[in-house]
Protein backbone atom coordinates (compact mmCIF):
# COMPACT_ATOMS: atom_id res chain seq x y z
CA MET A 1 126.26 102.38 123.33
CA LEU A 2 128.36 104.18 120.73
CA LYS A 3 131.15 102.47 118.86
CA ALA A 4 134.59 104.09 118.63
CA LEU A 5 136.74 104.38 115.52
CA VAL A 6 140.23 102.94 115.84
CA HIS A 7 142.94 103.71 113.27
CA ARG A 8 145.86 101.35 112.99
CA PRO A 9 149.22 102.54 111.66
CA ASP A 10 148.40 100.79 108.35
CA ASP A 11 145.16 102.82 108.25
CA THR A 12 142.96 99.73 108.54
CA ILE A 13 139.55 100.72 109.85
CA GLU A 14 138.35 98.80 112.87
CA ARG A 15 135.55 99.06 115.40
CA GLN A 16 135.30 98.21 119.03
CA SER A 17 132.97 95.31 119.74
CA LEU A 18 130.78 95.18 122.81
CA THR A 19 133.60 93.31 124.56
CA GLY A 20 136.13 96.02 123.67
CA ASP A 21 138.06 93.82 121.22
CA PRO A 22 139.00 95.41 117.87
CA MET A 23 137.08 93.84 115.00
CA PRO A 24 138.19 94.35 111.35
CA THR A 25 135.63 95.76 108.95
CA GLN A 26 136.83 94.64 105.55
CA ALA A 27 133.41 95.25 104.01
CA ILE A 28 133.33 98.98 104.77
CA GLU A 29 136.94 99.36 103.66
CA GLN A 30 136.06 97.72 100.34
CA LEU A 31 132.92 99.82 99.95
CA LEU A 32 134.91 103.01 100.51
CA ARG A 33 137.28 101.92 97.74
CA VAL A 34 134.27 101.39 95.47
CA THR A 35 132.85 104.85 96.11
CA GLY A 36 136.21 106.55 95.63
CA ASN A 37 137.35 109.89 96.97
CA PRO A 38 136.68 112.62 94.37
CA PRO A 39 137.85 116.07 95.50
CA ASN A 40 134.78 118.02 94.34
CA ALA A 41 131.98 115.94 95.83
CA THR A 42 129.39 116.87 98.44
CA ARG A 43 130.24 115.51 101.88
CA ALA A 44 128.12 115.06 104.95
CA ALA A 45 129.22 116.41 108.33
CA VAL A 46 127.13 114.59 110.94
CA ASP A 47 127.11 114.98 114.70
CA TRP A 48 126.34 111.34 115.41
CA ALA A 49 125.99 111.78 119.15
CA THR A 50 123.16 114.26 118.60
CA VAL A 51 121.58 112.22 115.81
CA GLU A 52 121.60 109.04 117.88
CA ASP A 53 120.38 110.86 120.97
CA GLY A 54 117.38 112.11 119.02
CA LEU A 55 116.77 108.69 117.52
CA GLY A 56 117.15 106.96 120.87
CA ILE A 57 119.43 104.24 119.55
CA SER A 58 122.97 103.78 118.22
CA LEU A 59 123.48 103.17 114.52
CA PRO A 60 125.74 100.60 112.80
CA PHE A 61 129.42 101.41 112.52
CA ASP A 62 129.69 100.64 108.79
CA TYR A 63 126.84 103.02 107.93
CA LYS A 64 128.31 105.89 109.99
CA THR A 65 131.76 105.29 108.53
CA PHE A 66 130.28 105.30 105.03
CA VAL A 67 128.49 108.62 105.62
CA ASP A 68 131.57 110.16 107.28
CA GLN A 69 134.23 109.05 104.78
CA ALA A 70 132.55 108.44 101.41
CA PRO A 71 131.29 111.26 99.19
CA ALA A 72 127.54 111.72 99.45
CA GLY A 73 125.76 110.15 96.52
CA THR A 74 123.49 107.39 95.23
CA PHE A 75 123.66 104.02 93.56
CA GLY A 76 121.68 105.24 90.58
CA ASN A 77 118.10 105.70 91.68
CA GLU A 78 117.93 102.21 93.15
CA LEU A 79 119.58 102.95 96.51
CA LEU A 80 119.66 106.43 98.03
CA PRO A 81 121.24 106.34 101.51
CA THR A 82 120.07 108.69 104.24
CA TYR A 83 122.45 111.64 104.78
CA PRO A 84 121.33 113.71 107.78
CA GLY A 85 121.67 117.41 107.05
CA LEU A 86 121.97 117.26 103.25
CA LEU A 87 119.53 118.43 100.57
CA GLY A 88 117.78 120.79 102.95
CA TYR A 89 116.92 118.24 105.65
CA PRO A 90 117.56 118.88 109.37
CA ALA A 91 121.13 118.13 110.41
CA ASN A 92 120.20 116.03 113.42
CA ASP A 93 117.02 114.26 112.28
CA PHE A 94 117.79 110.81 110.89
CA LEU A 95 114.18 110.03 109.93
CA ALA A 96 113.30 113.28 108.13
CA PRO A 97 114.60 112.38 104.62
CA LYS A 98 112.45 109.22 104.53
CA ALA A 99 109.45 110.52 106.49
CA HIS A 100 107.07 110.08 103.56
CA ILE A 101 107.92 106.36 103.33
CA LEU A 102 107.42 105.88 107.05
CA ASP A 103 104.08 107.69 106.89
CA THR A 104 102.99 105.46 104.02
CA PHE A 105 104.11 102.36 105.96
CA MET A 106 101.95 103.35 108.91
CA ARG A 107 98.92 104.29 106.82
CA TRP A 108 99.04 101.11 104.74
CA ARG A 109 99.54 98.91 107.77
CA GLU A 110 96.60 100.53 109.56
CA SER A 111 94.38 100.16 106.48
CA GLY A 112 95.29 96.49 105.99
CA ASP A 113 97.08 97.04 102.68
CA GLY A 114 100.43 95.43 102.01
CA ASN A 115 102.14 92.73 104.03
CA PHE A 116 103.95 93.64 107.26
CA PRO A 117 105.92 90.76 108.82
CA PHE A 118 107.98 93.24 110.88
CA SER A 119 107.14 95.97 113.34
CA LEU A 120 108.45 99.51 112.76
CA TYR A 121 111.11 101.06 115.00
CA PRO A 122 110.74 102.22 117.82
CA GLU A 123 108.40 99.25 118.26
CA PRO A 124 110.29 96.26 119.74
CA GLU A 125 112.61 94.61 117.21
CA GLY A 126 111.21 96.91 114.53
CA VAL A 127 112.76 97.69 111.16
CA LEU A 128 114.56 101.03 110.75
CA LEU A 129 114.79 102.62 107.29
CA TRP A 130 118.29 103.64 106.12
CA ALA A 131 117.86 103.95 102.33
CA SER A 132 115.25 103.85 99.59
CA GLY A 133 115.09 103.61 95.82
CA ASN A 134 112.76 103.33 92.86
CA SER A 135 112.06 99.65 93.47
CA PHE A 136 112.93 98.89 97.09
CA CYS A 137 113.18 100.21 100.63
CA TYR A 138 116.19 99.19 102.72
CA TRP A 139 115.83 98.58 106.45
CA TRP A 140 117.77 97.29 109.42
CA LEU A 141 116.20 94.66 111.66
CA THR A 142 116.95 96.14 115.07
CA GLY A 143 116.46 93.13 117.36
CA SER A 144 120.11 92.79 118.48
CA ASN A 145 121.51 95.04 121.21
CA ASP A 146 124.58 95.55 119.03
CA PRO A 147 123.61 97.61 115.94
CA ASN A 148 126.60 96.15 114.09
CA ASP A 149 124.76 92.82 114.10
CA TRP A 150 121.60 94.20 112.48
CA PRO A 151 120.87 92.42 109.18
CA VAL A 152 119.49 94.28 106.17
CA VAL A 153 115.84 93.73 105.29
CA THR A 154 114.46 94.77 101.89
CA SER A 155 110.88 95.50 100.87
CA ASN A 156 109.33 96.59 97.63
CA ARG A 157 107.69 100.02 97.59
CA SER A 158 104.20 98.55 98.02
CA PHE A 159 105.30 96.62 101.16
CA THR A 160 104.07 93.31 99.74
CA GLN A 161 107.43 91.51 99.43
CA TRP A 162 110.05 91.39 102.18
CA GLN A 163 113.38 89.60 102.46
CA THR A 164 115.91 89.32 105.27
CA HIS A 165 119.55 89.22 104.16
CA LYS A 166 122.59 87.67 105.80
CA HIS A 167 124.70 90.79 106.29
CA GLY A 168 124.77 94.39 107.41
CA MET A 169 124.74 97.48 105.24
CA ALA A 170 128.26 97.48 103.76
CA GLN A 171 128.41 93.79 102.83
CA PHE A 172 124.84 93.89 101.50
CA VAL A 173 125.68 96.78 99.16
CA LEU A 174 128.84 95.03 97.97
CA ASP A 175 126.90 91.83 97.27
CA GLU A 176 124.25 93.74 95.30
CA LEU A 177 126.94 95.51 93.26
CA ASP A 178 128.75 92.26 92.54
CA ALA A 179 125.48 90.66 91.40
CA GLY A 180 124.68 93.59 89.10
CA ARG A 181 121.49 94.47 90.98
CA LEU A 182 122.70 97.99 91.83
CA PRO A 183 124.11 100.63 89.48
CA HIS A 184 127.54 102.11 90.13
CA PHE A 185 127.86 104.74 92.86
CA LYS A 186 127.51 108.33 91.67
CA PRO A 187 128.57 111.18 94.00
CA TYR A 188 126.49 114.32 94.30
CA PRO A 189 128.27 117.31 92.76
CA ALA A 190 129.96 119.65 95.20
CA ALA A 191 127.69 122.30 96.62
CA ARG A 192 128.17 125.73 95.12
CA PRO A 193 127.13 129.11 96.51
CA ARG A 194 123.61 130.06 95.52
CA VAL A 195 121.50 133.13 96.14
CA PHE A 196 117.91 132.07 96.52
CA GLU A 197 115.14 134.41 95.50
CA PRO A 198 111.56 133.78 96.60
CA ALA A 199 109.60 132.14 93.81
CA LYS A 200 106.21 133.47 92.80
CA ALA A 201 104.74 130.51 94.60
CA ASN A 202 102.03 131.85 96.87
CA GLU A 203 100.43 134.52 94.72
CA LYS A 204 96.70 133.97 94.47
CA ALA A 205 96.21 136.21 91.46
CA THR A 206 97.71 135.38 88.08
CA GLU A 207 96.86 138.67 86.43
CA GLY A 208 99.92 140.31 84.96
CA LEU A 209 102.07 137.17 85.12
CA PRO A 210 103.55 135.97 81.82
CA LEU A 211 102.15 132.80 80.31
CA PRO A 212 104.32 129.70 80.82
CA GLN A 213 106.93 129.12 78.15
CA ASP A 214 108.41 126.05 76.48
CA HIS A 215 112.02 125.86 77.66
CA SER A 216 112.48 122.17 76.89
CA ALA A 217 115.41 122.80 74.53
CA ALA A 218 117.36 124.60 77.28
CA LEU A 219 116.49 121.85 79.78
CA ILE A 220 117.70 119.09 77.46
CA VAL A 221 120.95 120.97 76.80
CA ALA A 222 121.47 121.54 80.54
CA ILE A 223 121.21 117.87 81.48
CA GLY A 224 122.57 116.31 78.28
CA PRO A 225 120.27 113.62 76.82
CA PRO A 226 121.37 109.97 77.13
CA SER A 227 123.19 109.08 73.91
CA THR A 228 121.65 105.59 73.75
CA TRP A 229 118.05 106.69 74.28
CA LYS A 230 115.73 106.07 71.31
CA THR A 231 112.12 107.22 71.53
CA HIS A 232 109.14 105.10 70.56
CA ASN A 233 106.43 107.24 72.14
CA ASN A 234 103.01 107.18 70.48
CA TRP A 235 101.68 110.35 72.07
CA PRO A 236 98.14 110.17 70.65
CA ALA A 237 97.76 106.71 72.18
CA ILE A 238 99.38 107.78 75.45
CA GLU A 239 97.16 110.85 75.74
CA THR A 240 94.08 108.75 74.94
CA ARG A 241 94.99 106.33 77.73
CA LEU A 242 95.57 109.22 80.14
CA GLY A 243 92.43 111.03 79.02
CA THR A 244 94.02 114.40 78.24
CA ALA A 245 96.47 116.16 75.98
CA LEU A 246 99.85 117.01 77.55
CA PRO A 247 102.14 120.06 77.30
CA ASN A 248 104.59 120.02 74.40
CA ASP A 249 107.63 120.85 76.54
CA TYR A 250 106.98 117.73 78.63
CA LYS A 251 106.56 115.51 75.54
CA THR A 252 109.70 116.95 73.97
CA PHE A 253 111.68 116.22 77.13
CA ILE A 254 110.39 112.63 77.41
CA ASP A 255 111.11 111.99 73.72
CA ALA A 256 114.68 113.23 74.11
CA CYS A 257 115.56 111.86 77.54
CA GLY A 258 112.94 109.35 78.65
CA THR A 259 111.80 109.00 82.23
CA GLY A 260 114.41 109.63 84.88
CA THR A 261 115.32 111.78 87.84
CA VAL A 262 116.16 115.46 87.41
CA CYS A 263 118.03 116.57 90.54
CA ASP A 264 115.92 114.76 93.16
CA ILE A 265 112.64 114.83 91.19
CA THR A 266 111.46 111.58 89.59
CA ILE A 267 109.71 112.36 86.29
CA PHE A 268 106.72 110.18 85.41
CA GLY A 269 105.98 109.23 81.83
CA PRO A 270 105.12 106.32 79.54
CA ASP A 271 107.13 103.68 81.40
CA MET A 272 106.75 99.94 81.83
CA CYS A 273 107.44 100.29 85.57
CA GLU A 274 104.32 101.23 87.52
CA SER A 275 106.45 103.34 89.86
CA ARG A 276 107.28 105.61 86.89
CA ASP A 277 104.14 105.41 84.79
CA ILE A 278 102.28 108.73 84.66
CA ALA A 279 98.86 107.13 84.18
CA PHE A 280 99.33 104.63 87.01
CA ARG A 281 100.56 107.21 89.54
CA GLN A 282 97.61 109.59 89.30
CA GLY A 283 95.78 108.18 92.31
CA ASP A 284 98.62 108.80 94.80
CA GLN A 285 98.10 112.51 95.33
CA ALA A 286 94.33 112.23 95.56
CA ALA A 287 94.68 109.45 98.15
CA ALA A 288 97.05 111.60 100.22
CA ALA A 289 94.59 114.51 100.08
CA ASP A 290 91.74 112.22 101.08
CA ASP A 291 93.72 110.99 104.10
CA VAL A 292 93.87 114.51 105.53
CA GLY A 293 90.37 115.53 104.51
CA LEU A 294 91.33 117.82 101.61
CA ALA A 295 90.00 115.78 98.69
CA GLN A 296 86.57 117.44 98.95
CA TYR A 297 88.19 120.83 98.34
CA MET A 298 90.55 119.82 95.52
CA SER A 299 90.06 118.28 92.13
CA PHE A 300 92.42 115.62 90.79
CA HIS A 301 92.86 114.03 87.40
CA PRO A 302 90.93 112.43 85.75
CA ARG A 303 88.29 114.88 87.03
CA LYS A 304 87.98 117.94 84.80
CA ARG A 305 90.54 120.64 85.60
CA GLY A 306 92.04 118.42 88.26
CA LEU A 307 95.68 118.39 89.33
CA LEU A 308 97.73 116.08 87.09
CA CYS A 309 100.84 114.68 88.79
CA TRP A 310 104.00 114.51 86.64
CA GLY A 311 106.68 113.83 89.27
CA ARG A 312 107.72 113.42 92.90
CA ARG A 313 110.65 114.80 94.81
CA ALA A 314 112.80 112.49 96.96
CA ASP A 315 111.01 113.65 100.12
CA GLY A 316 107.64 112.69 98.61
CA THR A 317 106.57 116.16 97.44
CA TYR A 318 104.08 115.91 94.56
CA LEU A 319 104.75 118.00 91.43
CA SER A 320 101.65 118.54 89.32
CA TRP A 321 100.16 120.62 86.57
CA LYS A 322 97.27 122.93 87.33
CA THR A 323 94.99 122.06 84.43
CA ALA A 324 92.58 124.96 84.96
CA ARG A 325 93.15 126.21 81.41
CA ASP A 326 91.92 124.24 78.42
CA ASN A 327 95.22 124.68 76.57
CA PRO A 328 97.94 122.40 78.05
CA GLU A 329 100.57 124.90 76.89
CA GLN A 330 99.22 127.24 79.57
CA TRP A 331 99.33 124.75 82.44
CA THR A 332 101.49 125.81 85.37
CA VAL A 333 103.15 123.90 88.21
CA ALA A 334 101.87 123.14 91.70
CA ALA A 335 103.91 121.53 94.53
CA PHE A 336 102.26 119.68 97.42
CA LEU A 337 104.21 118.22 100.33
CA PRO A 338 103.48 114.53 101.11
CA HIS A 339 101.07 115.36 103.93
CA MET A 340 99.22 117.73 101.53
CA ARG A 341 98.92 120.46 104.16
CA SER A 342 101.51 122.72 102.51
CA HIS A 343 101.51 123.69 98.87
CA GLN A 344 102.87 126.25 96.47
CA PHE A 345 101.70 127.43 93.07
CA PHE A 346 104.26 128.50 90.46
CA GLU A 347 101.88 130.48 88.29
CA ASP A 348 104.37 131.60 85.64
CA MET A 349 106.27 128.31 85.25
CA SER A 350 105.82 125.49 82.79
CA PHE A 351 107.21 121.99 83.41
CA SER A 352 110.54 122.85 81.75
CA THR A 353 110.81 126.33 83.29
CA PHE A 354 110.22 124.92 86.76
CA LEU A 355 112.97 122.30 86.42
CA LEU A 356 115.45 124.86 85.09
CA ARG A 357 114.73 127.21 88.00
CA TYR A 358 114.54 124.49 90.64
CA SER A 359 117.98 123.25 89.62
CA GLY A 360 119.43 126.77 89.54
CA VAL A 361 120.23 126.73 85.82
CA THR A 362 118.15 129.88 85.35
CA PRO A 363 117.00 132.46 87.93
CA PRO A 364 114.86 133.19 89.84
CA THR A 365 115.22 129.95 91.76
CA ALA A 366 112.11 127.87 92.41
CA VAL A 367 112.28 126.89 96.08
CA ILE A 368 109.80 124.30 97.32
CA VAL A 369 108.79 124.94 100.93
CA GLY A 370 112.26 125.84 102.17
CA ALA A 371 114.14 122.81 100.80
CA PRO A 372 116.09 123.92 97.72
CA TRP A 373 118.32 121.82 95.48
CA LEU A 374 121.85 122.73 96.59
CA THR A 375 124.06 121.39 93.80
CA SER A 376 124.38 121.43 90.02
CA ILE A 377 121.61 119.99 87.84
CA THR A 378 121.76 116.19 87.49
CA PHE A 379 119.81 113.65 85.47
CA ASP A 380 119.67 109.87 85.86
CA HIS A 381 117.90 108.08 83.04
CA HIS A 382 115.61 105.29 84.24
CA GLN A 383 116.69 101.80 83.25
CA CYS A 384 113.68 99.67 84.03
CA LEU A 385 114.42 96.86 86.48
CA GLN A 386 112.10 94.00 87.29
CA GLU A 387 110.41 94.64 90.61
CA GLN A 388 111.67 91.51 92.34
CA PRO A 389 113.36 91.43 95.75
CA PRO A 390 117.17 91.35 95.63
CA GLN A 391 118.47 87.85 96.27
CA VAL A 392 121.01 86.98 98.96
C-alpha cells in the first residue's frame, strides 16, 4: 500500500491518503528546511519498492521523503536515522543498520531483562526501529494499517523506559529540536573516491610487523579538538578503577578531545554517562561472546591479558585492545562484529593508528569486515545528556 508523491505548482509536498485525497505534510516540509540542502553532502538513493517488499510493509511517507530529499546525516549522536545502502550496509535491507539493537532486544526480552510493553515487528502491532542514538532508540508503533498514522515510541538503550508520543517521525523530530532535546542536524560529508587496501587484519603471526606507534598528535590535528573542552582527567585514579594502565596515545586523545564519536565509532572513556564509560562497558563484549559459546575460548578484561573494549562502531562492532603484552604501548587493535563470530586483528596498529587508517586519513586503510568508512573523518564531542525519556 505505497503512498505516492504529489507536487503542486507551488512545490508544496503532499501525500495521498488511503482515500486518495491529498493531505498536506507541513511537518516534513519544515524538517527539510531545518536540514537544509548543502551541495556537497552524502545523499541516499533508495529503491523503496524493493526495500518495502523485503520488509513486508510500507513505510511512512515523511520518513521516505526525508531520506529522499534531505542530505544524509545525524542529529548529533542522539538520533541517527536509518539510511538503507549507506555506510557499507545493503541497499535494500532496512533492518541491517540497526541489527545489533534488534538482536539485543530479542536476547534481553528472552532473558527477562528490561521492560517490554510492546512486541517487535513483524509480530502483530510490533514496534519497528527507524533510528537510534547514544541515549535512546526510536521506533514506530505499527498497529495502524496506514503507516502515516504510526506514532513514534522511544526507549532508552537498556529497554527499561518506554514512551509513546503523539506524532509521527517528522513532527516528533521537530518537537525534540524545539525543546532542545536534540542537537542540530549535521550532514555527512560527501563521499569521495577511495582505494581500499586490505588491512593486515587476519595475519596470525606478528613476527616482522612493526610495533604500534603513538599517532595521537596526527589524529587530534585531523579531527580538530573542541575549543571549549577542558580536561580534568586523573589518569592514576582512572587506571586504578579500571585495574590496568592504558596506552598513552589513547590518554592523550581523551585529554585533548574527550569522549565522542570518530567517524561512526563511539570512543569510551572516563564519562559520567554509563553508555560512554570505559569501565562500565567492559562486560558487553564478554556477554556477547558468552551468548554464542565463545567466552570459554577468549579472555576479557578484567581477566589477565583479556580483550579491553575502547569503542563500538554504529553497527555494534566492538573495538578492543589485545592486551597480550605487558606494556600498554604495544597493545594492538581487535575488531569483533556484534555476533562475535567474525573478527579481525590489526597487529601493527595502535588506537590512534587504527582511527587514522579507518577514516582514510593515512593509508593503508583499515577495513572492518567489508564495511569501510566512506567519507572524510568526522568527530562529534559527547555532551552528556541525562538519560531520561524525551517528553511529548
